[in-house]
Amino acid sequence: MRNKIIIFVFLLLGGASFAKTVNLSASLIDPTPASYPLPKSPVIIPIIDLDDYVVTFQNNNTNFSLQLIDENDNVVYTNYVPSTLTIVTLPSWLSGEYEIQLIPDSGDYYFYGTINL
């Protein structure tokens, strides 16, 4: 009986997800007067979760370019994410704190947040 309890607890802990939701903000790419007027509808900020090196899109309805920026403002990783894709696995050689940017194909804005790998 004790072995069954240990196996149950092991499976329970192993099956738990430790994904964290990444808080994203929106910003204009070019805030000059030529980029105005702003869209009439509110910008829908994507919801993404990060679990180790796996980024999961909860409400991806557009195509994005995903970029990771280091502390020196260098682009260290970039990937195209079509609207049909819900999971992106980041390379395991990345480590540390990065700014994640999601840039839609259309629009004058982008989304950004901070992640730790």
C-alpha atoms as a PDB file:
ATOM      1  CA  MET A   1       0.000   0.000   0.000  1.00  0.00           C
ATOM      2  CA  ARG A   2       2.840   2.382   0.856  1.00  0.00           C
ATOM      3  CA  ASN A   3       4.401   1.856  -2.585  1.00  0.00           C
ATOM      4  CA  LYS A   4       1.112   2.784  -4.247  1.00  0.00           C
ATOM      5  CA  ILE A   5       0.947   6.032  -2.263  1.00  0.00           C
ATOM      6  CA  ILE A   6       4.537   6.940  -3.174  1.00  0.00           C
ATOM      7  CA  ILE A   7       3.875   6.236  -6.856  1.00  0.00           C
ATOM      8  CA  PHE A   8       0.662   8.285  -6.732  1.00  0.00           C
ATOM      9  CA  VAL A   9       2.451  11.276  -5.148  1.00  0.00           C
ATOM     10  CA  PHE A  10       5.296  10.985  -7.678  1.00  0.00           C
ATOM     11  CA  LEU A  11       2.856  10.968 -10.604  1.00  0.00           C
ATOM     12  CA  LEU A  12       0.875  13.821  -9.099  1.00  0.00           C
ATOM     13  CA  LEU A  13       3.954  16.023  -8.740  1.00  0.00           C
ATOM     14  CA  GLY A  14       5.393  14.973 -12.085  1.00  0.00           C
ATOM     15  CA  GLY A  15       2.188  15.803 -13.898  1.00  0.00           C
ATOM     16  CA  ALA A  16       1.911  19.271 -12.409  1.00  0.00           C
ATOM     17  CA  SER A  17       2.569  22.141 -14.779  1.00  0.00           C
ATOM     18  CA  PHE A  18       4.875  24.894 -13.619  1.00  0.00           C
ATOM     19  CA  ALA A  19       4.181  27.238 -16.541  1.00  0.00           C
ATOM     20  CA  LYS A  20       4.190  30.930 -15.750  1.00  0.00           C
ATOM     21  CA  THR A  21       2.160  33.488 -17.646  1.00  0.00           C
ATOM     22  CA  VAL A  22       4.359  36.191 -19.156  1.00  0.00           C
ATOM     23  CA  ASN A  23       3.007  39.704 -18.607  1.00  0.00           C
ATOM     24  CA  LEU A  24       3.053  41.521 -21.939  1.00  0.00           C
ATOM     25  CA  SER A  25       2.564  45.205 -22.714  1.00  0.00           C
ATOM     26  CA  ALA A  26       1.848  46.902 -26.048  1.00  0.00           C
ATOM     27  CA  SER A  27       3.860  49.697 -27.638  1.00  0.00           C
ATOM     28  CA  LEU A  28       3.846  51.584 -30.919  1.00  0.00           C
ATOM     29  CA  ILE A  29       6.692  50.678 -33.267  1.00  0.00           C
ATOM     30  CA  ASP A  30       6.959  54.216 -34.642  1.00  0.00           C
ATOM     31  CA  PRO A  31       5.216  56.751 -32.387  1.00  0.00           C
ATOM     32  CA  THR A  32       5.510  59.599 -34.905  1.00  0.00           C
ATOM     33  CA  PRO A  33       2.349  61.413 -36.041  1.00  0.00           C
ATOM     34  CA  ALA A  34       2.416  59.459 -39.314  1.00  0.00           C
ATOM     35  CA  SER A  35       1.518  56.283 -37.408  1.00  0.00           C
ATOM     36  CA  TYR A  36      -1.664  57.841 -36.020  1.00  0.00           C
ATOM     37  CA  PRO A  37      -4.594  57.531 -35.746  1.00  0.00           C
ATOM     38  CA  LEU A  38      -4.568  54.525 -33.454  1.00  0.00           C
ATOM     39  CA  PRO A  39      -6.852  51.586 -34.235  1.00  0.00           C
ATOM     40  CA  LYS A  40     -10.463  52.171 -33.280  1.00  0.00           C
ATOM     41  CA  SER A  41     -10.743  48.832 -31.537  1.00  0.00           C
ATOM     42  CA  PRO A  42      -8.652  47.950 -28.488  1.00  0.00           C
ATOM     43  CA  VAL A  43      -5.443  46.039 -29.074  1.00  0.00           C
ATOM     44  CA  ILE A  44      -5.800  42.448 -27.845  1.00  0.00           C
ATOM     45  CA  ILE A  45      -2.622  41.515 -26.006  1.00  0.00           C
ATOM     46  CA  PRO A  46      -1.656  37.884 -26.563  1.00  0.00           C
ATOM     47  CA  ILE A  47      -1.545  35.582 -23.566  1.00  0.00           C
ATOM     48  CA  ILE A  48       1.587  33.431 -23.459  1.00  0.00           C
ATOM     49  CA  ASP A  49       2.898  30.963 -20.904  1.00  0.00           C
ATOM     50  CA  LEU A  50       6.526  29.976 -20.399  1.00  0.00           C
ATOM     51  CA  ASP A  51       7.366  26.513 -19.091  1.00  0.00           C
ATOM     52  CA  ASP A  52      11.148  26.027 -19.114  1.00  0.00           C
ATOM     53  CA  TYR A  53      11.951  26.688 -22.803  1.00  0.00           C
ATOM     54  CA  VAL A  54       8.428  26.165 -24.162  1.00  0.00           C
ATOM     55  CA  VAL A  55       6.322  29.221 -25.034  1.00  0.00           C
ATOM     56  CA  THR A  56       2.604  28.463 -25.347  1.00  0.00           C
ATOM     57  CA  PHE A  57       0.214  30.900 -27.035  1.00  0.00           C
ATOM     58  CA  GLN A  58      -3.229  30.901 -25.432  1.00  0.00           C
ATOM     59  CA  ASN A  59      -4.983  33.226 -27.882  1.00  0.00           C
ATOM     60  CA  ASN A  60      -2.818  33.520 -30.987  1.00  0.00           C
ATOM     61  CA  ASN A  61      -4.971  34.830 -33.839  1.00  0.00           C
ATOM     62  CA  THR A  62      -2.320  36.561 -35.951  1.00  0.00           C
ATOM     63  CA  ASN A  63       1.134  35.899 -37.375  1.00  0.00           C
ATOM     64  CA  PHE A  64       4.055  37.125 -35.240  1.00  0.00           C
ATOM     65  CA  SER A  65       7.780  37.520 -35.406  1.00  0.00           C
ATOM     66  CA  LEU A  66       9.131  36.457 -32.010  1.00  0.00           C
ATOM     67  CA  GLN A  67      12.379  38.093 -30.908  1.00  0.00           C
ATOM     68  CA  LEU A  68      14.512  37.783 -27.789  1.00  0.00           C
ATOM     69  CA  ILE A  69      16.592  40.844 -26.893  1.00  0.00           C
ATOM     70  CA  ASP A  70      19.492  40.700 -24.403  1.00  0.00           C
ATOM     71  CA  GLU A  71      20.537  43.387 -21.898  1.00  0.00           C
ATOM     72  CA  ASN A  72      22.715  45.081 -24.574  1.00  0.00           C
ATOM     73  CA  ASP A  73      19.719  45.463 -26.943  1.00  0.00           C
ATOM     74  CA  ASN A  74      21.047  42.727 -29.245  1.00  0.00           C
ATOM     75  CA  VAL A  75      18.608  40.384 -30.964  1.00  0.00           C
ATOM     76  CA  VAL A  76      19.819  36.942 -29.858  1.00  0.00           C
ATOM     77  CA  TYR A  77      16.947  34.874 -31.269  1.00  0.00           C
ATOM     78  CA  THR A  78      14.201  35.420 -33.814  1.00  0.00           C
ATOM     79  CA  ASN A  79      11.494  33.110 -35.154  1.00  0.00           C
ATOM     80  CA  TYR A  80       8.370  33.470 -37.278  1.00  0.00           C
ATOM     81  CA  VAL A  81       5.210  32.228 -35.534  1.00  0.00           C
ATOM     82  CA  PRO A  82       2.169  31.686 -37.778  1.00  0.00           C
ATOM     83  CA  SER A  83      -1.299  32.005 -36.280  1.00  0.00           C
ATOM     84  CA  THR A  84      -1.791  28.235 -36.545  1.00  0.00           C
ATOM     85  CA  LEU A  85       1.134  27.519 -34.205  1.00  0.00           C
ATOM     86  CA  THR A  86       0.427  27.412 -30.466  1.00  0.00           C
ATOM     87  CA  ILE A  87       3.791  26.187 -29.113  1.00  0.00           C
ATOM     88  CA  VAL A  88       7.329  27.430 -29.737  1.00  0.00           C
ATOM     89  CA  THR A  89      10.358  25.731 -28.183  1.00  0.00           C
ATOM     90  CA  LEU A  90      13.225  28.142 -27.564  1.00  0.00           C
ATOM     91  CA  PRO A  91      16.822  26.941 -27.992  1.00  0.00           C
ATOM     92  CA  SER A  92      18.356  25.405 -24.860  1.00  0.00           C
ATOM     93  CA  TRP A  93      21.592  27.402 -25.281  1.00  0.00           C
ATOM     94  CA  LEU A  94      19.743  30.551 -24.184  1.00  0.00           C
ATOM     95  CA  SER A  95      20.005  31.429 -20.505  1.00  0.00           C
ATOM     96  CA  GLY A  96      19.407  34.539 -18.466  1.00  0.00           C
ATOM     97  CA  GLU A  97      16.926  37.402 -18.673  1.00  0.00           C
ATOM     98  CA  TYR A  98      15.583  38.551 -22.034  1.00  0.00           C
ATOM     99  CA  GLU A  99      12.990  40.936 -23.380  1.00  0.00           C
ATOM    100  CA  ILE A 100      10.550  38.973 -25.507  1.00  0.00           C
ATOM    101  CA  GLN A 101       8.945  40.870 -28.377  1.00  0.00           C
ATOM    102  CA  LEU A 102       6.000  39.723 -30.480  1.00  0.00           C
ATOM    103  CA  ILE A 103       5.677  41.792 -33.657  1.00  0.00           C
ATOM    104  CA  PRO A 104       2.491  41.216 -35.696  1.00  0.00           C
ATOM    105  CA  ASP A 105       2.714  41.069 -39.505  1.00  0.00           C
ATOM    106  CA  SER A 106       0.268  43.931 -39.724  1.00  0.00           C
ATOM    107  CA  GLY A 107      -0.047  46.850 -37.391  1.00  0.00           C
ATOM    108  CA  ASP A 108       2.053  49.631 -35.965  1.00  0.00           C
ATOM    109  CA  TYR A 109       2.550  48.079 -32.554  1.00  0.00           C
ATOM    110  CA  TYR A 110       4.363  45.228 -30.837  1.00  0.00           C
ATOM    111  CA  PHE A 111       4.091  43.357 -27.559  1.00  0.00           C
ATOM    112  CA  TYR A 112       6.923  42.993 -25.080  1.00  0.00           C
ATOM    113  CA  GLY A 113       7.691  41.477 -21.708  1.00  0.00           C
ATOM    114  CA  THR A 114      10.546  39.992 -19.699  1.00  0.00           C
ATOM    115  CA  ILE A 115      11.378  36.288 -19.431  1.00  0.00           C
ATOM    116  CA  ASN A 116      14.027  34.301 -17.560  1.00  0.00           C
ATOM    117  CA  LEU A 117      15.466  31.135 -19.063  1.00  0.00           C
END
